[in-house]
Amino acid sequence: MTAIPACAQPAQSSAPADATIQLDPITVEGTFTATPSYRVEELYSGSKTITPRRDLPQQVDVVPREVLRDTAATRVERALDYVPGIAKQNDFGNQNLALYSVRGFATQDIFQNGFTIARGYNGAPVTQNVQSIEVLKGPSGALYGRSDPGGTINILTKQPVALPFVEMGTLFGSFGTARTTVDAGGPLTQDGSVLYRFNGVLARQDSFRDYVDGDRVLAAPVVSWQVTPDTKLTVEAQYLRNRATFDC
């Protein structure tokens, strides 16, 4: 007797081959809360013009205003702690601009809006009138003349705005730290051709060591005049008084 194996036949679907299956719609609902972005789309230090970041071949690290606000950095040297490749050197007992090393090379090439501020005696700048800090790394720092191989640091200040506003703040901390700030701006003429911006700081602080204290006063006005559609004149001044005990 010979057994004949049976072959199973696959089940045939009754639906036509070109039939489509329509799924039930899915609805996703939620709320969006805008948060400050640390992304900077345009840079100044790479070409001395406002240029999109993607068009610059140089390495430029930026500390935007949002980072200064979120970290409560009141001085520029504290803000630079968040830039890779930057290390603070000697600041002469908290009395002067710090000497930095950029990519391992010591440098004092510190600029403000493209102009050097590291010549002679200068108190360490505060961040109240700072919009952002750009660190141009490598030999590209020669864009600003003499430059150390590590790079340069360029501080960009706040500029006048067309919409009027006033912003005031107060900060308290340990060891008698107190700081009051004001930031105001807006148009000075009806046509908006002349704008202004003013930043001010009153601050004082003690220390965990006896007989060590200090205070600061900053007044930084800026006035811009749109002379023609292609010509703009900006006049900026800054008064900074820094009294601090020599503290190594």
Protein backbone atom coordinates (compact mmCIF):
# COMPACT_ATOMS: atom_id res chain seq x y z
CA MET A 1 0.00 0.00 0.00
CA THR A 2 1.55 3.35 -1.03
CA ALA A 3 0.87 6.53 0.94
CA ILE A 4 0.46 9.69 -1.13
CA PRO A 5 1.34 12.89 0.86
CA ALA A 6 -1.21 15.64 0.78
CA CYS A 7 -0.02 19.18 -0.04
CA ALA A 8 -1.59 22.05 1.87
CA GLN A 9 -2.88 24.81 -0.32
CA PRO A 10 -2.61 28.45 0.91
CA ALA A 11 -5.85 30.17 1.74
CA GLN A 12 -7.11 32.41 -0.97
CA SER A 13 -8.30 35.92 -0.01
CA SER A 14 -11.63 36.96 -1.28
CA ALA A 15 -10.52 40.61 -1.55
CA PRO A 16 -9.30 41.84 -4.95
CA ALA A 17 -5.53 42.32 -5.40
CA ASP A 18 -5.77 46.08 -5.88
CA ALA A 19 -7.99 46.70 -2.85
CA THR A 20 -6.78 49.30 -0.28
CA ILE A 21 -7.40 49.22 3.43
CA GLN A 22 -8.40 52.51 5.00
CA LEU A 23 -7.46 52.94 8.66
CA ASP A 24 -9.29 55.07 11.15
CA PRO A 25 -7.80 58.58 11.53
CA ILE A 26 -5.55 59.28 14.54
CA THR A 27 -5.69 62.73 16.13
CA VAL A 28 -2.80 63.96 18.32
CA GLU A 29 -3.44 66.99 20.51
CA GLY A 30 -0.99 68.92 22.68
CA THR A 31 0.24 72.33 23.72
CA PHE A 32 3.47 74.06 22.61
CA THR A 33 5.44 76.28 24.94
CA ALA A 34 8.14 78.42 23.38
CA THR A 35 11.50 78.19 25.12
CA PRO A 36 14.55 80.40 24.56
CA SER A 37 16.92 79.05 21.96
CA TYR A 38 20.69 79.05 22.31
CA ARG A 39 21.12 78.81 18.55
CA VAL A 40 22.70 81.81 16.84
CA GLU A 41 21.95 82.15 13.14
CA GLU A 42 24.16 85.17 12.32
CA LEU A 43 27.68 86.12 13.38
CA TYR A 44 29.76 89.28 13.28
CA SER A 45 33.27 88.26 14.33
CA GLY A 46 34.00 85.97 11.41
CA SER A 47 33.89 88.69 8.74
CA LYS A 48 33.15 92.00 10.54
CA THR A 49 29.76 91.94 8.84
CA ILE A 50 26.46 90.34 9.79
CA THR A 51 26.84 87.00 8.04
CA PRO A 52 24.84 83.75 8.28
CA ARG A 53 26.72 81.26 10.39
CA ARG A 54 26.57 78.54 7.73
CA ASP A 55 28.49 80.81 5.32
CA LEU A 56 31.51 81.22 7.61
CA PRO A 57 34.34 78.67 7.34
CA GLN A 58 35.90 79.84 10.62
CA GLN A 59 35.28 78.25 14.01
CA VAL A 60 33.29 80.73 16.11
CA ASP A 61 31.84 79.82 19.51
CA VAL A 62 29.03 82.06 20.76
CA VAL A 63 27.66 82.79 24.23
CA PRO A 64 24.23 84.33 23.45
CA ARG A 65 22.19 86.54 25.74
CA GLU A 66 19.97 83.61 26.74
CA VAL A 67 22.96 81.78 28.23
CA LEU A 68 24.05 84.89 30.15
CA ARG A 69 20.55 85.18 31.60
CA ASP A 70 20.06 81.51 32.45
CA THR A 71 23.46 81.16 34.13
CA ALA A 72 23.16 84.50 35.96
CA ALA A 73 26.63 85.46 34.73
CA THR A 74 27.26 89.02 35.89
CA ARG A 75 30.81 89.25 34.52
CA VAL A 76 32.28 88.37 31.16
CA GLU A 77 34.92 86.07 32.63
CA ARG A 78 32.21 83.91 34.18
CA ALA A 79 30.40 83.65 30.86
CA LEU A 80 33.58 82.47 29.14
CA ASP A 81 33.72 79.50 31.52
CA TYR A 82 31.13 77.86 29.23
CA VAL A 83 33.21 78.16 26.05
CA PRO A 84 35.27 75.06 25.16
CA GLY A 85 38.98 75.69 24.78
CA ILE A 86 38.95 78.83 26.98
CA ALA A 87 40.83 78.92 30.31
CA LYS A 88 41.18 81.92 32.61
CA GLN A 89 44.67 82.90 33.66
CA ASN A 90 45.77 85.83 35.88
CA ASP A 91 43.35 88.70 36.54
CA PHE A 92 45.70 90.67 38.82
CA GLY A 93 43.77 90.10 42.01
CA ASN A 94 40.32 90.65 40.48
CA GLN A 95 41.37 94.13 39.38
CA ASN A 96 41.70 93.91 35.61
CA LEU A 97 40.73 92.06 32.47
CA ALA A 98 41.74 88.46 32.85
CA LEU A 99 44.45 86.88 30.78
CA TYR A 100 42.95 83.95 28.89
CA SER A 101 44.32 80.98 27.04
CA VAL A 102 42.52 80.05 23.84
CA ARG A 103 43.35 76.58 22.55
CA GLY A 104 46.37 76.56 24.86
CA PHE A 105 47.80 79.93 23.75
CA ALA A 106 47.73 82.82 26.22
CA THR A 107 46.02 85.90 24.81
CA GLN A 108 44.81 89.34 25.79
CA ASP A 109 43.11 90.02 22.48
CA ILE A 110 39.73 91.08 23.81
CA PHE A 111 37.55 93.31 21.67
CA GLN A 112 34.23 95.10 22.02
CA ASN A 113 32.29 95.54 18.79
CA GLY A 114 35.55 94.98 16.91
CA PHE A 115 37.61 97.53 18.90
CA THR A 116 40.27 96.43 21.35
CA ILE A 117 39.64 97.04 25.04
CA ALA A 118 42.64 95.17 26.45
CA ARG A 119 45.13 98.02 26.32
CA GLY A 120 46.12 99.77 29.52
CA TYR A 121 44.05 99.33 32.67
CA ASN A 122 40.48 98.18 32.17
CA GLY A 123 38.12 96.84 34.77
CA ALA A 124 36.64 93.43 34.05
CA PRO A 125 33.51 94.13 31.96
CA VAL A 126 30.04 93.26 33.21
CA THR A 127 27.38 91.51 31.14
CA GLN A 128 24.50 93.94 31.63
CA ASN A 129 25.06 95.72 28.31
CA VAL A 130 26.35 92.59 26.51
CA GLN A 131 24.21 91.00 23.82
CA SER A 132 26.56 88.10 23.05
CA ILE A 133 30.19 87.03 23.23
CA GLU A 134 31.88 85.54 20.17
CA VAL A 135 35.16 83.63 20.35
CA LEU A 136 36.93 83.46 16.99
CA LYS A 137 39.36 80.57 17.22
CA GLY A 138 42.53 79.90 15.32
CA PRO A 139 44.61 82.08 12.95
CA SER A 140 41.42 83.72 11.66
CA GLY A 141 41.78 86.12 14.61
CA ALA A 142 44.25 88.04 12.43
CA LEU A 143 41.14 89.67 10.98
CA TYR A 144 41.46 92.16 13.84
CA GLY A 145 45.17 92.86 13.30
CA ARG A 146 47.74 91.42 15.72
CA SER A 147 46.42 88.20 17.13
CA ASP A 148 47.71 85.31 19.17
CA PRO A 149 47.51 81.87 17.53
CA GLY A 150 44.69 80.73 19.81
CA GLY A 151 42.13 83.27 18.67
CA THR A 152 40.29 86.39 19.82
CA ILE A 153 37.33 87.29 22.01
CA ASN A 154 34.79 89.82 20.73
CA ILE A 155 32.06 91.25 22.99
CA LEU A 156 28.94 92.53 21.21
CA THR A 157 26.91 95.10 23.11
CA LYS A 158 23.16 95.70 23.11
CA GLN A 159 21.95 98.04 20.40
CA PRO A 160 18.95 100.43 20.20
CA VAL A 161 15.53 99.00 19.36
CA ALA A 162 12.46 100.49 17.69
CA LEU A 163 9.89 99.38 20.31
CA PRO A 164 9.99 101.26 23.63
CA PHE A 165 10.58 99.16 26.73
CA VAL A 166 11.98 99.32 30.26
CA GLU A 167 13.32 96.30 32.14
CA MET A 168 14.58 96.37 35.72
CA GLY A 169 16.00 93.60 37.86
CA THR A 170 17.43 92.94 41.29
CA LEU A 171 19.73 90.14 42.42
CA PHE A 172 20.65 89.14 45.96
CA GLY A 173 23.20 86.55 47.02
CA SER A 174 25.44 85.36 49.80
CA PHE A 175 28.12 87.49 51.48
CA GLY A 176 26.15 90.70 51.09
CA THR A 177 25.81 90.50 47.30
CA ALA A 178 23.25 92.94 45.89
CA ARG A 179 22.81 94.05 42.28
CA THR A 180 20.26 96.32 40.61
CA THR A 181 20.05 96.68 36.84
CA VAL A 182 18.07 98.69 34.30
CA ASP A 183 17.72 98.18 30.55
CA ALA A 184 15.66 100.68 28.54
CA GLY A 185 15.32 101.56 24.89
CA GLY A 186 13.10 102.96 22.19
CA PRO A 187 12.73 105.78 19.64
CA LEU A 188 13.73 109.39 20.34
CA THR A 189 11.94 110.82 17.30
CA GLN A 190 8.46 110.32 15.89
CA ASP A 191 9.72 108.85 12.64
CA GLY A 192 11.93 106.36 14.49
CA SER A 193 15.12 107.47 12.77
CA VAL A 194 16.86 108.12 16.10
CA LEU A 195 16.85 105.28 18.65
CA TYR A 196 18.46 104.82 22.03
CA ARG A 197 19.45 102.10 24.48
CA PHE A 198 20.59 102.56 28.07
CA ASN A 199 21.95 99.98 30.49
CA GLY A 200 22.93 100.64 34.08
CA VAL A 201 24.21 98.63 37.05
CA LEU A 202 24.63 99.31 40.76
CA ALA A 203 26.26 96.41 42.60
CA ARG A 204 28.16 95.59 45.75
CA GLN A 205 29.53 92.43 47.35
CA ASP A 206 31.52 91.23 50.35
CA SER A 207 33.58 88.05 50.65
CA PHE A 208 33.96 85.00 52.87
CA ARG A 209 37.25 86.62 53.92
CA ASP A 210 37.34 89.62 56.23
CA TYR A 211 38.12 93.09 54.88
CA VAL A 212 37.40 92.10 51.28
CA ASP A 213 34.56 93.91 49.53
CA GLY A 214 33.79 95.98 46.47
CA ASP A 215 31.18 97.82 44.43
CA ARG A 216 30.47 98.57 40.80
CA VAL A 217 28.72 101.29 38.80
CA LEU A 218 27.97 100.99 35.09
CA ALA A 219 26.30 103.48 32.75
CA ALA A 220 26.22 102.51 29.07
CA PRO A 221 24.15 104.70 26.69
CA VAL A 222 23.86 104.04 22.95
CA VAL A 223 22.23 106.32 20.35
CA SER A 224 21.77 105.42 16.68
CA TRP A 225 20.68 107.67 13.83
CA GLN A 226 19.45 106.27 10.53
CA VAL A 227 20.73 109.09 8.33
CA THR A 228 19.70 107.49 5.04
CA PRO A 229 18.39 104.02 4.16
CA ASP A 230 22.02 102.98 3.56
CA THR A 231 23.79 105.03 6.25
CA LYS A 232 23.54 104.55 10.00
CA LEU A 233 25.50 106.42 12.67
CA THR A 234 25.89 104.85 16.12
CA VAL A 235 27.43 106.60 19.11
CA GLU A 236 28.17 104.44 22.13
CA ALA A 237 29.67 105.33 25.51
CA GLN A 238 30.43 103.37 28.66
CA TYR A 239 31.32 104.42 32.18
CA LEU A 240 32.49 101.66 34.53
CA ARG A 241 33.75 102.21 38.05
CA ASN A 242 35.11 99.11 39.72
CA ARG A 243 36.23 99.32 43.33
CA ALA A 244 37.48 96.03 44.72
CA THR A 245 39.97 94.90 47.34
CA PHE A 246 43.11 93.37 45.89
CA ASP A 247 42.34 89.69 46.44
CA CYS A 248 44.64 87.04 44.98
